[in-house]
Amino acid sequence: MSSNARGRKEQKFFAELFFKKATACLALLFLCAAAPLKLERVVLLMRHGVRPPTHEPALAPAIAPDAWPAWEVPDGYLTPHGAAAIELLAAYDRKAFGAGCAELSIYADVDERTLATGGAYAAGFGCKVPVGRAGGARDPLFSGLDSQFDSKAAKQAMAAAAGGAMGANAALFQAMQNALAPGQTGYLDLPVKISAKIPGHLPKLTGPLPEGSTAAEVFLLEYLDDKPMAQVAWGRLDEAGVARLLALHPLAYTVTARPLVIARATASALAARILAGLEAGPKVQVLVGHDTNQAELGGLLGLHWHLAGYPADDPPPGGGIIFALLAGPGGARYVTATYQAQSMDAIRNLQPGVLTQALPIPGCGNSTAPMACTLAGFQALVQRQSR
């Protein structure tokens, strides 16, 4: 046997071993942390899988002058590679949740990438389950604002968050400039502006932070879709460099999505839907949305995560927040939260490899102690934080 073949065989063995151990660990989190507890119901809010940029070019040529690599699907669509990764994730979840096809429901936003992700998840789960969706061109569950939204208050909150984000990350912005156009300053010279001209609409942030977030996300997507490294950030970044610049992605959400005045307006309906799903319905309920949905819900409920290989609070493709309802003795019921995502290399190489982290639920206990947050306590938290 050649050394390359032997290396591939060993890699497959360790990947399969990791998959088995990871599955057992997630099951233990739900079922074995406290012996009497039983997994009753799960609501998973996940992000769609790997896609190309949603428009071309991803950034203006003035700040990113080089040609971007080509993709095999239209802008914003789920790629075949992304679908295959989602199928792997769903196969993992079926074992972890101990559920069959009759116990699975999937509901997705109206975009092709979310609907296709729902379909890939059903296939990986081993089921022919229809993917539910809203009837119109827009689903307020995933992209709505409540009627009480105050755009001026949101602008003030964004300005306060932006000041800290910009001032403390000068080296990160310089590293992004070096990736986009070495020796130039067009990206760094972008003016920072927050505009709230349209009442009842989210303010718009412009400048190095949102543009850098977009670029970092595209570099990640190029890497995850298994493009040659010469095409990932034009060959200027390795995996560690992609991961480092990716910090701009969740950093932007600390300004545009996580401030409470914004999160209440954008994620209250989603929090109510998750709560309703825990209270009744199939054992496994999957909601397929976007990274913005996870950031907004994280801001609303104070949820934070940090998985190995990713920056803190980053919601990668296929990543999701798992809310689990656990039944205890005497009819007691508890809620835990867990963040789950495939590792970067697991997605790129289409190998098993799922990372999980139990999340504290501020105001309702810590998920590492599964009996810390009662269902009644979670109901009160959602009501208190939402409007």
Protein backbone atom coordinates (compact mmCIF):
# COMPACT_ATOMS: atom_id res chain seq x y z
CA MET A 1 0.00 0.00 0.00
CA SER A 2 1.38 3.43 -0.93
CA SER A 3 1.97 6.04 1.77
CA ASN A 4 -0.76 8.23 0.22
CA ALA A 5 -3.30 5.40 0.24
CA ARG A 6 -2.32 4.47 3.79
CA GLY A 7 -2.70 8.11 4.81
CA ARG A 8 -6.17 8.31 3.29
CA LYS A 9 -7.19 5.08 5.05
CA GLU A 10 -5.96 6.40 8.40
CA GLN A 11 -7.69 9.74 7.81
CA LYS A 12 -10.97 7.94 7.08
CA PHE A 13 -10.59 5.80 10.22
CA PHE A 14 -10.03 8.79 12.49
CA ALA A 15 -12.85 10.76 10.83
CA GLU A 16 -15.25 7.88 11.43
CA LEU A 17 -14.02 7.53 15.02
CA PHE A 18 -14.55 11.26 15.58
CA PHE A 19 -18.03 11.02 14.09
CA LYS A 20 -19.00 8.19 16.45
CA LYS A 21 -17.56 9.96 19.49
CA ALA A 22 -19.12 13.31 18.56
CA THR A 23 -22.52 11.69 18.07
CA ALA A 24 -22.24 10.03 21.47
CA CYS A 25 -21.20 13.31 23.11
CA LEU A 26 -24.20 15.23 21.75
CA ALA A 27 -26.53 12.43 22.79
CA LEU A 28 -24.96 12.44 26.24
CA LEU A 29 -25.51 16.17 26.51
CA PHE A 30 -29.24 15.68 26.07
CA LEU A 31 -29.85 12.28 27.61
CA CYS A 32 -27.15 11.37 30.07
CA ALA A 33 -26.14 14.57 31.86
CA ALA A 34 -28.93 13.80 34.31
CA ALA A 35 -30.06 10.18 34.32
CA PRO A 36 -33.84 10.75 34.62
CA LEU A 37 -34.00 13.23 31.73
CA LYS A 38 -35.44 12.25 28.36
CA LEU A 39 -35.20 14.19 25.11
CA GLU A 40 -38.76 15.15 24.25
CA ARG A 41 -38.44 17.70 21.48
CA VAL A 42 -35.82 19.68 19.52
CA VAL A 43 -36.09 22.94 17.59
CA LEU A 44 -33.02 23.64 15.43
CA LEU A 45 -32.49 27.09 13.96
CA MET A 46 -29.86 26.50 11.30
CA ARG A 47 -28.17 28.55 8.63
CA HIS A 48 -28.29 27.44 5.00
CA GLY A 49 -25.31 25.67 3.48
CA VAL A 50 -22.44 26.92 1.32
CA ARG A 51 -23.40 29.38 -1.43
CA PRO A 52 -21.65 31.81 -3.81
CA PRO A 53 -21.79 35.56 -3.12
CA THR A 54 -25.32 36.89 -3.41
CA HIS A 55 -24.31 39.39 -6.12
CA GLU A 56 -21.46 40.06 -8.55
CA PRO A 57 -18.96 41.42 -7.96
CA ALA A 58 -18.98 40.67 -4.25
CA LEU A 59 -17.19 43.98 -3.59
CA ALA A 60 -16.65 47.10 -5.68
CA PRO A 61 -13.59 46.90 -7.97
CA ALA A 62 -12.27 50.07 -6.34
CA ILE A 63 -11.48 48.09 -3.18
CA ALA A 64 -11.16 44.56 -4.63
CA PRO A 65 -9.75 44.95 -8.16
CA ASP A 66 -8.93 41.29 -8.93
CA ALA A 67 -11.39 38.97 -10.65
CA TRP A 68 -13.39 36.71 -8.35
CA PRO A 69 -13.50 32.95 -9.01
CA ALA A 70 -16.40 31.43 -10.91
CA TRP A 71 -19.11 29.34 -9.24
CA GLU A 72 -21.17 26.52 -10.74
CA VAL A 73 -24.54 27.83 -9.53
CA PRO A 74 -26.25 31.24 -9.73
CA ASP A 75 -25.53 33.93 -7.17
CA GLY A 76 -26.75 33.01 -3.71
CA TYR A 77 -27.80 29.42 -4.56
CA LEU A 78 -26.81 26.37 -2.52
CA THR A 79 -23.85 24.65 -4.19
CA PRO A 80 -23.72 20.87 -4.78
CA HIS A 81 -20.78 20.73 -2.38
CA GLY A 82 -22.78 22.67 0.19
CA ALA A 83 -25.72 20.27 -0.22
CA ALA A 84 -23.45 17.27 0.33
CA ALA A 85 -22.11 18.81 3.55
CA ILE A 86 -25.66 19.42 4.81
CA GLU A 87 -26.53 15.78 4.12
CA LEU A 88 -23.60 14.70 6.30
CA LEU A 89 -24.80 17.01 9.06
CA ALA A 90 -28.34 15.64 8.88
CA ALA A 91 -27.11 12.04 9.09
CA TYR A 92 -25.28 13.03 12.27
CA ASP A 93 -28.40 14.71 13.69
CA ARG A 94 -30.63 11.71 13.02
CA LYS A 95 -28.40 9.56 15.23
CA ALA A 96 -27.95 12.27 17.85
CA PHE A 97 -31.66 13.04 18.15
CA GLY A 98 -32.79 9.43 17.85
CA ALA A 99 -35.64 10.37 15.53
CA GLY A 100 -37.29 8.92 12.42
CA CYS A 101 -38.95 10.47 9.40
CA ALA A 102 -42.39 10.70 11.02
CA GLU A 103 -40.83 12.83 13.77
CA LEU A 104 -39.18 15.41 11.46
CA SER A 105 -40.54 18.71 10.13
CA ILE A 106 -38.62 21.30 8.11
CA TYR A 107 -39.57 24.92 7.45
CA ALA A 108 -37.34 27.27 5.46
CA ASP A 109 -37.13 30.86 4.32
CA VAL A 110 -38.19 31.54 0.74
CA ASP A 111 -34.70 31.83 -0.81
CA GLU A 112 -33.41 29.03 -3.02
CA ARG A 113 -30.46 28.39 -0.71
CA THR A 114 -32.66 27.91 2.36
CA LEU A 115 -35.23 25.75 0.58
CA ALA A 116 -32.50 23.64 -1.04
CA THR A 117 -30.76 23.31 2.32
CA GLY A 118 -34.01 22.02 3.80
CA GLY A 119 -34.22 19.47 1.00
CA ALA A 120 -30.63 18.36 1.51
CA TYR A 121 -31.23 18.04 5.25
CA ALA A 122 -34.27 15.81 4.64
CA ALA A 123 -32.23 13.65 2.26
CA GLY A 124 -29.38 13.30 4.75
CA PHE A 125 -31.89 12.42 7.46
CA GLY A 126 -33.04 9.65 5.14
CA CYS A 127 -36.53 11.06 4.64
CA LYS A 128 -38.85 12.38 1.95
CA VAL A 129 -40.15 15.24 4.07
CA PRO A 130 -41.64 18.32 2.38
CA VAL A 131 -39.96 21.63 3.14
CA GLY A 132 -42.53 24.15 4.33
CA ARG A 133 -42.32 27.80 3.30
CA ALA A 134 -44.32 31.01 3.28
CA GLY A 135 -46.61 31.62 0.33
CA GLY A 136 -45.25 35.03 -0.67
CA ALA A 137 -41.93 36.42 -1.84
CA ARG A 138 -40.91 37.31 1.72
CA ASP A 139 -41.29 35.51 5.05
CA PRO A 140 -41.61 37.88 8.04
CA LEU A 141 -40.45 35.09 10.36
CA PHE A 142 -36.96 35.38 8.89
CA SER A 143 -36.87 38.97 7.60
CA GLY A 144 -39.50 40.98 9.40
CA LEU A 145 -39.59 44.07 11.62
CA ASP A 146 -42.27 44.60 14.22
CA SER A 147 -44.50 47.65 14.06
CA GLN A 148 -42.86 49.29 17.08
CA PHE A 149 -39.39 49.49 15.53
CA ASP A 150 -37.62 52.76 16.33
CA SER A 151 -35.02 53.42 13.62
CA LYS A 152 -33.52 56.40 15.48
CA ALA A 153 -32.93 54.35 18.65
CA ALA A 154 -31.46 51.60 16.49
CA LYS A 155 -29.08 54.07 14.86
CA GLN A 156 -27.88 55.24 18.27
CA ALA A 157 -27.29 51.67 19.41
CA MET A 158 -25.41 50.86 16.22
CA ALA A 159 -23.25 53.96 16.54
CA ALA A 160 -22.28 53.03 20.09
CA ALA A 161 -21.39 49.47 19.05
CA ALA A 162 -19.55 50.60 15.92
CA GLY A 163 -17.26 52.90 17.87
CA GLY A 164 -15.90 50.04 19.92
CA ALA A 165 -15.70 47.63 17.00
CA MET A 166 -13.74 49.98 14.75
CA GLY A 167 -11.36 51.28 17.39
CA ALA A 168 -10.21 47.93 18.75
CA ASN A 169 -9.55 46.07 15.49
CA ALA A 170 -7.16 48.19 13.46
CA ALA A 171 -4.81 45.24 12.80
CA LEU A 172 -7.69 43.12 11.52
CA PHE A 173 -8.77 45.83 9.09
CA GLN A 174 -5.20 46.19 7.85
CA ALA A 175 -4.99 42.43 7.31
CA MET A 176 -8.17 42.61 5.23
CA GLN A 177 -6.70 45.43 3.15
CA ASN A 178 -3.64 43.24 2.49
CA ALA A 179 -5.90 40.43 1.29
CA LEU A 180 -8.07 42.61 -0.94
CA ALA A 181 -5.38 44.74 -2.56
CA PRO A 182 -1.86 44.67 -1.10
CA GLY A 183 -0.17 48.03 -1.03
CA GLN A 184 -3.39 49.98 -1.53
CA THR A 185 -5.64 51.80 0.93
CA GLY A 186 -9.01 51.99 -0.83
CA TYR A 187 -10.66 49.61 1.62
CA LEU A 188 -9.22 51.32 4.70
CA ASP A 189 -10.25 54.73 3.37
CA LEU A 190 -13.94 53.86 3.10
CA PRO A 191 -15.98 56.37 5.14
CA VAL A 192 -17.97 55.02 8.08
CA LYS A 193 -21.61 56.03 7.98
CA ILE A 194 -24.86 54.92 9.63
CA SER A 195 -27.98 56.18 7.88
CA ALA A 196 -31.57 55.85 9.08
CA LYS A 197 -33.46 57.85 6.48
CA ILE A 198 -36.46 55.54 6.11
CA PRO A 199 -38.70 55.27 9.20
CA GLY A 200 -39.51 51.71 10.15
CA HIS A 201 -36.48 50.29 8.30
CA LEU A 202 -33.17 49.06 9.67
CA PRO A 203 -30.40 51.66 9.57
CA LYS A 204 -27.67 50.96 7.02
CA LEU A 205 -24.01 50.72 8.03
CA THR A 206 -21.36 51.44 5.41
CA GLY A 207 -17.57 51.43 5.65
CA PRO A 208 -14.73 48.97 6.27
CA LEU A 209 -16.67 46.84 8.76
CA PRO A 210 -19.59 45.67 6.57
CA GLU A 211 -17.41 45.45 3.45
CA GLY A 212 -14.80 43.50 5.39
CA SER A 213 -17.49 41.22 6.76
CA THR A 214 -18.69 40.47 3.23
CA ALA A 215 -15.17 39.79 1.99
CA ALA A 216 -14.32 37.54 4.93
CA GLU A 217 -17.50 35.56 4.40
CA VAL A 218 -16.75 35.11 0.68
CA PHE A 219 -13.23 33.88 1.47
CA LEU A 220 -14.74 31.35 3.89
CA LEU A 221 -17.27 30.18 1.30
CA GLU A 222 -14.50 29.74 -1.29
CA TYR A 223 -12.56 27.62 1.17
CA LEU A 224 -15.55 25.55 2.29
CA ASP A 225 -16.60 24.82 -1.31
CA ASP A 226 -13.20 23.17 -1.84
CA LYS A 227 -11.90 25.68 -4.35
CA PRO A 228 -8.15 25.47 -5.06
CA MET A 229 -6.21 27.54 -2.54
CA ALA A 230 -4.99 29.71 -5.43
CA GLN A 231 -8.62 30.88 -5.76
CA VAL A 232 -9.27 31.40 -2.05
CA ALA A 233 -8.72 35.12 -1.50
CA TRP A 234 -6.67 35.06 -4.73
CA GLY A 235 -4.13 32.77 -3.06
CA ARG A 236 -3.26 35.33 -0.39
CA LEU A 237 -4.66 33.40 2.59
CA ASP A 238 -4.27 29.93 4.04
CA GLU A 239 -6.89 28.32 6.28
CA ALA A 240 -5.59 30.16 9.35
CA GLY A 241 -5.74 33.46 7.47
CA VAL A 242 -9.33 32.81 6.39
CA ALA A 243 -10.28 32.02 9.99
CA ARG A 244 -8.55 35.14 11.28
CA LEU A 245 -10.30 37.54 8.88
CA LEU A 246 -13.60 35.79 9.50
CA ALA A 247 -13.72 37.61 12.84
CA LEU A 248 -15.01 40.61 10.87
CA HIS A 249 -18.20 38.68 10.10
CA PRO A 250 -19.58 38.32 13.66
CA LEU A 251 -18.02 41.67 14.54
CA ALA A 252 -20.29 43.34 12.01
CA TYR A 253 -23.28 41.63 13.61
CA THR A 254 -22.41 43.13 16.98
CA VAL A 255 -23.29 46.43 15.32
CA THR A 256 -26.08 45.56 12.88
CA ALA A 257 -27.95 42.65 14.51
CA ARG A 258 -27.14 42.04 18.18
CA PRO A 259 -28.07 45.39 19.83
CA LEU A 260 -31.23 44.68 21.82
CA VAL A 261 -33.33 47.40 20.17
CA ILE A 262 -32.66 45.71 16.82
CA ALA A 263 -32.87 42.12 18.06
CA ARG A 264 -36.27 42.73 19.66
CA ALA A 265 -37.66 44.06 16.40
CA THR A 266 -36.19 41.32 14.21
CA ALA A 267 -36.12 38.16 16.33
CA SER A 268 -39.11 38.30 18.67
CA ALA A 269 -41.34 36.40 16.22
CA LEU A 270 -38.63 33.79 15.73
CA ALA A 271 -38.21 33.35 19.49
CA ALA A 272 -41.97 32.87 19.83
CA ARG A 273 -41.91 30.27 17.02
CA ILE A 274 -39.09 28.37 18.73
CA LEU A 275 -40.95 28.41 22.04
CA ALA A 276 -44.13 27.16 20.38
CA GLY A 277 -42.14 24.38 18.73
CA LEU A 278 -40.76 23.26 22.08
CA GLU A 279 -44.24 23.22 23.58
CA ALA A 280 -45.87 21.13 20.83
CA GLY A 281 -45.18 19.48 17.50
CA PRO A 282 -42.87 16.82 16.03
CA LYS A 283 -39.82 15.64 17.93
CA VAL A 284 -37.37 17.35 15.54
CA GLN A 285 -38.32 20.71 14.04
CA VAL A 286 -35.81 22.38 11.73
CA LEU A 287 -36.01 26.06 10.80
CA VAL A 288 -33.66 26.95 7.93
CA GLY A 289 -32.76 30.62 7.83
CA HIS A 290 -29.68 32.81 7.66
CA ASP A 291 -26.68 33.89 9.70
CA THR A 292 -28.50 37.15 10.45
CA ASN A 293 -31.31 35.21 12.12
CA GLN A 294 -28.87 33.51 14.49
CA ALA A 295 -27.12 36.79 15.30
CA GLU A 296 -30.44 38.53 15.98
CA LEU A 297 -31.73 35.70 18.15
CA GLY A 298 -28.39 35.61 19.94
CA GLY A 299 -28.75 39.32 20.67
CA LEU A 300 -32.32 38.87 21.89
CA LEU A 301 -31.60 35.99 24.27
CA GLY A 302 -27.98 36.83 25.12
CA LEU A 303 -26.58 33.66 23.53
CA HIS A 304 -22.87 33.43 22.70
CA TRP A 305 -20.80 30.60 21.26
CA HIS A 306 -17.22 29.93 20.25
CA LEU A 307 -16.40 26.74 18.37
CA ALA A 308 -12.85 25.60 17.61
CA GLY A 309 -11.55 27.03 14.34
CA TYR A 310 -14.16 29.79 14.16
CA PRO A 311 -14.24 33.25 15.74
CA ALA A 312 -16.60 33.87 18.63
CA ASP A 313 -20.28 34.15 17.69
CA ASP A 314 -19.71 33.29 14.05
CA PRO A 315 -22.65 31.43 12.43
CA PRO A 316 -21.02 29.30 9.69
CA PRO A 317 -22.90 27.60 6.85
CA GLY A 318 -24.99 24.75 8.26
CA GLY A 319 -24.37 25.93 11.82
CA GLY A 320 -27.32 26.11 14.15
CA ILE A 321 -28.71 26.73 17.61
CA ILE A 322 -30.36 23.63 19.04
CA PHE A 323 -33.08 24.21 21.64
CA ALA A 324 -33.96 20.96 23.39
CA LEU A 325 -36.90 20.18 25.66
CA LEU A 326 -36.04 17.58 28.29
CA ALA A 327 -38.62 15.71 30.34
CA GLY A 328 -37.77 14.89 33.93
CA PRO A 329 -39.42 12.99 36.77
CA GLY A 330 -42.85 14.08 37.88
CA GLY A 331 -43.62 15.91 34.65
CA ALA A 332 -40.88 18.52 35.08
CA ARG A 333 -39.56 19.94 31.80
CA TYR A 334 -36.34 21.76 31.04
CA VAL A 335 -34.80 23.68 28.12
CA THR A 336 -31.18 23.61 26.99
CA ALA A 337 -29.38 25.44 24.18
CA THR A 338 -26.47 24.07 22.18
CA TYR A 339 -24.55 25.50 19.23
CA GLN A 340 -23.62 23.02 16.52
CA ALA A 341 -21.52 23.37 13.36
CA GLN A 342 -19.31 21.29 11.12
CA SER A 343 -15.63 22.15 11.23
CA MET A 344 -14.16 24.06 8.31
CA ASP A 345 -12.19 21.06 7.11
CA ALA A 346 -15.19 18.73 7.53
CA ILE A 347 -17.15 20.89 5.09
CA ARG A 348 -14.26 21.41 2.66
CA ASN A 349 -13.33 17.72 2.57
CA LEU A 350 -16.90 16.37 3.01
CA GLN A 351 -15.91 14.36 6.06
CA PRO A 352 -17.77 13.77 9.32
CA GLY A 353 -16.81 16.28 11.97
CA VAL A 354 -19.42 18.14 14.03
CA LEU A 355 -18.55 20.55 16.83
CA THR A 356 -20.98 21.29 19.67
CA GLN A 357 -21.02 23.68 22.62
CA ALA A 358 -23.57 23.87 25.43
CA LEU A 359 -24.68 27.50 25.79
CA PRO A 360 -25.56 29.48 28.89
CA ILE A 361 -29.03 31.02 28.62
CA PRO A 362 -28.72 34.28 30.57
CA GLY A 363 -31.59 34.63 32.98
CA CYS A 364 -32.44 30.93 32.65
CA GLY A 365 -29.44 28.91 33.73
CA ASN A 366 -26.58 27.12 32.01
CA SER A 367 -27.11 24.28 29.55
CA THR A 368 -24.16 22.39 31.05
CA ALA A 369 -26.58 21.82 33.96
CA PRO A 370 -29.62 20.61 31.98
CA MET A 371 -32.05 21.12 34.87
CA ALA A 372 -31.06 24.78 35.36
CA CYS A 373 -33.61 26.28 32.95
CA THR A 374 -37.19 25.12 33.35
CA LEU A 375 -39.66 25.36 30.50
CA ALA A 376 -41.59 27.93 32.54
CA GLY A 377 -38.38 29.90 33.03
CA PHE A 378 -37.66 29.85 29.30
CA GLN A 379 -41.22 30.93 28.54
CA ALA A 380 -40.79 33.87 30.92
CA LEU A 381 -37.43 34.78 29.37
CA VAL A 382 -38.82 34.85 25.84
CA GLN A 383 -41.77 36.95 26.99
CA ARG A 384 -39.52 39.33 28.91
CA GLN A 385 -37.01 39.82 26.08
CA SER A 386 -39.52 39.99 23.24
CA ARG A 387 -42.32 42.43 22.55
